Amino acid sequence: MEYPQAMTVTLGCGQGHGPDGKGTLLMADFTPRVNEANPDPRIACALLLDTSSSMSGEPISLLNRGFDLFCEEIKKDELAKKRAEITVITFGGSARVEIPFTEGRDLQPRRLEAGGGTPMGAALDLALDQLDQQKQAYKEAGLEYYRPWLFVLTDGAPTDGQVFRTAAARVRQAEADRRVSVFGIGVGAGANLAASASGAFGASDASVERAEAAEQIPLPPAGWARA
């Protein structure tokens, strides 16, 4: 499957800018895709993958291997491959939709490279916006859906300062309102998730504080709580 190319989106009020004021938020030129021929309930999953320069070497290798495994394993689960719709958002220099929402059975690996700063706040904002749009698409299509999942795989601290703090507060409120479940996953031996970004991931229904990216992370079972 071919995915849309990314396009630059300019945000007002300085949002999406890193410490140097030059950061850009990118997203694909698309509307959320819903396969209405599939009547199954859905769960929208956003994978936020840190591709900043600090991920160079072993961490980005682990991340790529983990994403390959995720794409492989989801196709083996008869429910997940039909019900889970996944978007991949990368944040390395900029936050961008790397892969728009795609059914698990159609998800294909993509080789990621490390570089740039860590605009985690911009990535969180982008992910919440995309999840809200996808839920609205489910409603308009008359499809049942479960509470979305948001995974953040990173090895270090955000570099977009106030943007991250504002986004973290937004994430905590979304979790408190039971609109999303967020999971922070540290990648590599040097990951320090608790010290860097715990403010955004502390209220999840379940949390993963540290894991190798290639480790299998179970998908939600059929009894997920519906949003």
Protein backbone atom coordinates (compact mmCIF):
# COMPACT_ATOMS: atom_id res chain seq x y z
CA MET A 1 0.00 0.00 0.00
CA GLU A 2 1.21 3.51 -0.82
CA TYR A 3 0.69 6.24 1.76
CA PRO A 4 0.14 9.94 1.04
CA GLN A 5 3.16 12.21 1.03
CA ALA A 6 3.48 14.60 3.96
CA MET A 7 2.82 18.29 3.64
CA THR A 8 3.80 21.21 5.87
CA VAL A 9 1.13 22.72 8.11
CA THR A 10 1.88 26.13 9.61
CA LEU A 11 0.46 26.56 13.09
CA GLY A 12 -0.51 29.86 14.66
CA CYS A 13 0.49 31.23 18.06
CA GLY A 14 3.92 29.61 17.84
CA GLN A 15 2.62 26.08 18.35
CA GLY A 16 4.80 23.32 17.00
CA HIS A 17 8.01 25.40 17.30
CA GLY A 18 11.07 23.96 19.01
CA PRO A 19 13.46 25.96 21.18
CA ASP A 20 15.03 27.54 18.09
CA GLY A 21 11.62 28.72 16.87
CA LYS A 22 12.07 26.85 13.60
CA GLY A 23 10.32 23.57 14.32
CA THR A 24 7.56 22.62 11.91
CA LEU A 25 4.62 20.33 12.40
CA LEU A 26 3.92 18.10 9.44
CA MET A 27 0.92 15.98 8.63
CA ALA A 28 -0.29 14.04 5.63
CA ASP A 29 -2.78 15.57 3.23
CA PHE A 30 -5.66 13.20 3.88
CA THR A 31 -8.93 12.73 5.69
CA PRO A 32 -9.29 9.83 8.15
CA ARG A 33 -9.93 6.64 6.20
CA VAL A 34 -12.77 4.37 7.29
CA ASN A 35 -13.53 1.14 5.47
CA GLU A 36 -17.31 1.07 5.82
CA ALA A 37 -17.38 -2.38 4.21
CA ASN A 38 -15.89 -3.68 7.46
CA PRO A 39 -18.73 -3.76 10.05
CA ASP A 40 -16.50 -4.68 13.03
CA PRO A 41 -16.11 -2.28 15.98
CA ARG A 42 -12.88 -0.29 15.76
CA ILE A 43 -10.10 0.93 17.97
CA ALA A 44 -7.95 3.80 16.77
CA CYS A 45 -4.30 3.42 17.80
CA ALA A 46 -1.66 6.12 17.45
CA LEU A 47 2.00 5.09 17.54
CA LEU A 48 4.25 8.05 18.36
CA LEU A 49 7.81 7.10 17.45
CA ASP A 50 10.80 9.17 18.53
CA THR A 51 13.13 9.61 15.54
CA SER A 52 15.25 12.40 17.01
CA SER A 53 19.06 12.42 16.81
CA SER A 54 19.40 10.91 20.30
CA MET A 55 17.83 7.75 18.88
CA SER A 56 20.77 7.20 16.51
CA GLY A 57 22.46 3.80 16.60
CA GLU A 58 20.99 0.99 18.65
CA PRO A 59 17.77 2.79 19.73
CA ILE A 60 16.56 3.48 16.17
CA SER A 61 17.50 -0.09 15.21
CA LEU A 62 15.39 -1.38 18.09
CA LEU A 63 12.54 0.91 17.10
CA ASN A 64 12.60 -0.29 13.50
CA ARG A 65 12.76 -3.91 14.57
CA GLY A 66 9.88 -3.38 16.98
CA PHE A 67 7.72 -1.71 14.34
CA ASP A 68 8.46 -4.53 11.90
CA LEU A 69 7.35 -7.02 14.53
CA PHE A 70 4.22 -5.03 15.33
CA CYS A 71 3.19 -5.03 11.66
CA GLU A 72 3.85 -8.75 11.45
CA GLU A 73 2.08 -9.74 14.66
CA ILE A 74 -1.07 -7.67 14.16
CA LYS A 75 -1.79 -9.55 10.95
CA LYS A 76 -1.81 -12.83 12.91
CA ASP A 77 -4.61 -11.71 15.26
CA GLU A 78 -7.97 -12.30 13.59
CA LEU A 79 -9.73 -9.57 15.57
CA ALA A 80 -6.96 -7.00 15.80
CA LYS A 81 -6.17 -7.02 12.10
CA LYS A 82 -9.77 -5.97 11.34
CA ARG A 83 -10.56 -3.80 14.34
CA ALA A 84 -7.35 -1.91 15.03
CA GLU A 85 -6.68 1.11 12.81
CA ILE A 86 -3.20 2.48 13.30
CA THR A 87 -1.60 5.81 12.53
CA VAL A 88 2.15 6.31 12.88
CA ILE A 89 3.42 9.72 13.94
CA THR A 90 7.15 10.40 14.06
CA PHE A 91 8.88 13.21 15.90
CA GLY A 92 12.46 14.00 14.96
CA GLY A 93 12.99 17.65 14.08
CA SER A 94 9.26 17.91 13.35
CA ALA A 95 6.08 16.04 14.22
CA ARG A 96 4.51 14.40 11.19
CA VAL A 97 1.99 11.75 10.22
CA GLU A 98 4.22 9.08 8.72
CA ILE A 99 1.38 6.64 8.04
CA PRO A 100 -2.31 7.68 8.16
CA PHE A 101 -4.93 5.47 9.81
CA THR A 102 -4.66 2.02 8.28
CA GLU A 103 -6.33 -1.27 9.17
CA GLY A 104 -3.94 -3.65 10.88
CA ARG A 105 -4.10 -6.15 8.04
CA ASP A 106 -2.84 -3.48 5.62
CA LEU A 107 -0.12 -1.96 7.82
CA GLN A 108 3.34 -2.17 6.27
CA PRO A 109 6.75 -1.55 7.90
CA ARG A 110 8.69 1.58 7.07
CA ARG A 111 12.39 2.18 7.72
CA LEU A 112 12.87 5.16 10.03
CA GLU A 113 15.99 7.29 10.40
CA ALA A 114 17.07 9.40 13.36
CA GLY A 115 17.75 13.14 13.25
CA GLY A 116 16.73 16.49 14.71
CA GLY A 117 15.27 17.55 18.02
CA THR A 118 12.48 15.90 20.03
CA PRO A 119 9.20 17.83 19.52
CA MET A 120 7.19 15.42 21.66
CA GLY A 121 4.62 18.05 22.57
CA ALA A 122 3.81 18.74 18.93
CA ALA A 123 3.53 14.97 18.35
CA LEU A 124 1.12 14.56 21.27
CA ASP A 125 -1.07 17.40 20.01
CA LEU A 126 -1.07 15.96 16.52
CA ALA A 127 -1.96 12.49 17.82
CA LEU A 128 -4.89 13.72 19.92
CA ASP A 129 -6.23 15.70 16.97
CA GLN A 130 -5.94 12.69 14.67
CA LEU A 131 -7.64 10.38 17.18
CA ASP A 132 -10.52 12.84 17.63
CA GLN A 133 -10.99 13.04 13.85
CA GLN A 134 -10.96 9.28 13.52
CA LYS A 135 -13.56 8.86 16.26
CA GLN A 136 -15.76 11.40 14.51
CA ALA A 137 -15.38 9.43 11.28
CA TYR A 138 -16.54 6.28 13.09
CA LYS A 139 -19.58 8.12 14.42
CA GLU A 140 -20.49 9.43 10.99
CA ALA A 141 -20.12 5.93 9.54
CA GLY A 142 -22.33 4.45 12.29
CA LEU A 143 -19.52 2.22 13.58
CA GLU A 144 -19.02 1.20 17.19
CA TYR A 145 -15.57 1.92 18.59
CA TYR A 146 -13.46 1.44 21.68
CA ARG A 147 -11.41 3.95 23.62
CA PRO A 148 -8.36 4.90 21.54
CA TRP A 149 -4.84 3.91 22.52
CA LEU A 150 -1.82 6.19 22.22
CA PHE A 151 1.68 4.71 22.49
CA VAL A 152 4.75 6.92 22.84
CA LEU A 153 8.10 5.21 22.19
CA THR A 154 11.05 7.42 23.11
CA ASP A 155 14.46 7.43 24.75
CA GLY A 156 14.61 10.91 26.19
CA ALA A 157 13.27 14.33 27.05
CA PRO A 158 11.14 16.59 24.82
CA THR A 159 12.81 19.67 23.38
CA ASP A 160 9.72 21.77 22.68
CA GLY A 161 9.38 23.17 26.20
CA GLN A 162 6.07 24.95 26.73
CA VAL A 163 4.47 23.17 23.78
CA PHE A 164 5.16 19.87 25.55
CA ARG A 165 3.89 21.12 28.91
CA THR A 166 0.64 22.30 27.33
CA ALA A 167 0.25 19.05 25.39
CA ALA A 168 0.97 16.98 28.50
CA ALA A 169 -1.82 18.77 30.36
CA ARG A 170 -4.13 18.09 27.42
CA VAL A 171 -3.20 14.40 27.50
CA ARG A 172 -3.80 14.14 31.25
CA GLN A 173 -7.24 15.71 30.83
CA ALA A 174 -8.11 13.35 27.97
CA GLU A 175 -7.11 10.40 30.15
CA ALA A 176 -9.11 11.72 33.08
CA ASP A 177 -12.12 12.04 30.78
CA ARG A 178 -11.54 8.44 29.63
CA ARG A 179 -11.18 9.59 26.02
CA VAL A 180 -7.82 7.91 25.48
CA SER A 181 -5.38 5.53 27.16
CA VAL A 182 -1.73 6.56 26.90
CA PHE A 183 1.31 4.33 27.27
CA GLY A 184 4.89 5.57 27.51
CA ILE A 185 7.58 3.10 26.48
CA GLY A 186 11.29 3.71 26.96
CA VAL A 187 13.47 2.53 24.09
CA GLY A 188 17.01 1.28 24.65
CA ALA A 189 19.23 0.81 27.67
CA GLY A 190 19.67 4.55 28.25
CA ALA A 191 16.00 5.48 28.20
CA ASN A 192 14.86 7.71 31.04
CA LEU A 193 11.14 8.02 30.47
CA ALA A 194 10.18 8.62 34.10
CA ALA A 195 12.46 11.64 34.36
CA SER A 196 11.71 13.10 30.96
CA ALA A 197 8.04 12.79 30.06
CA SER A 198 6.24 11.14 32.96
CA GLY A 199 3.93 14.16 33.22
CA ALA A 200 2.11 13.07 30.09
CA PHE A 201 1.86 9.37 30.87
CA GLY A 202 1.09 9.11 34.57
CA ALA A 203 -2.68 8.60 34.50
CA SER A 204 -3.05 5.74 32.03
CA ASP A 205 -5.24 2.78 32.81
CA ALA A 206 -2.11 0.71 32.42
CA SER A 207 1.45 1.83 31.79
CA VAL A 208 4.68 0.45 30.41
CA GLU A 209 7.61 2.27 31.97
CA ARG A 210 10.42 0.45 30.22
CA ALA A 211 10.61 -2.08 27.41
CA GLU A 212 12.73 -3.09 24.50
CA ALA A 213 11.00 -1.83 21.37
CA ALA A 214 11.18 -5.31 19.84
CA GLU A 215 9.26 -6.84 22.74
CA GLN A 216 5.72 -7.84 21.89
CA ILE A 217 3.13 -5.50 23.36
CA PRO A 218 -0.29 -7.17 23.53
CA LEU A 219 -3.10 -5.47 21.68
CA PRO A 220 -6.38 -4.73 23.48
CA PRO A 221 -8.70 -7.75 23.85
CA ALA A 222 -12.27 -7.86 22.58
CA GLY A 223 -13.61 -6.36 25.83
CA TRP A 224 -12.01 -2.93 25.55
CA ALA A 225 -14.02 -0.16 27.20
CA ARG A 226 -15.83 1.82 24.54
CA ALA A 227 -15.24 5.56 24.50
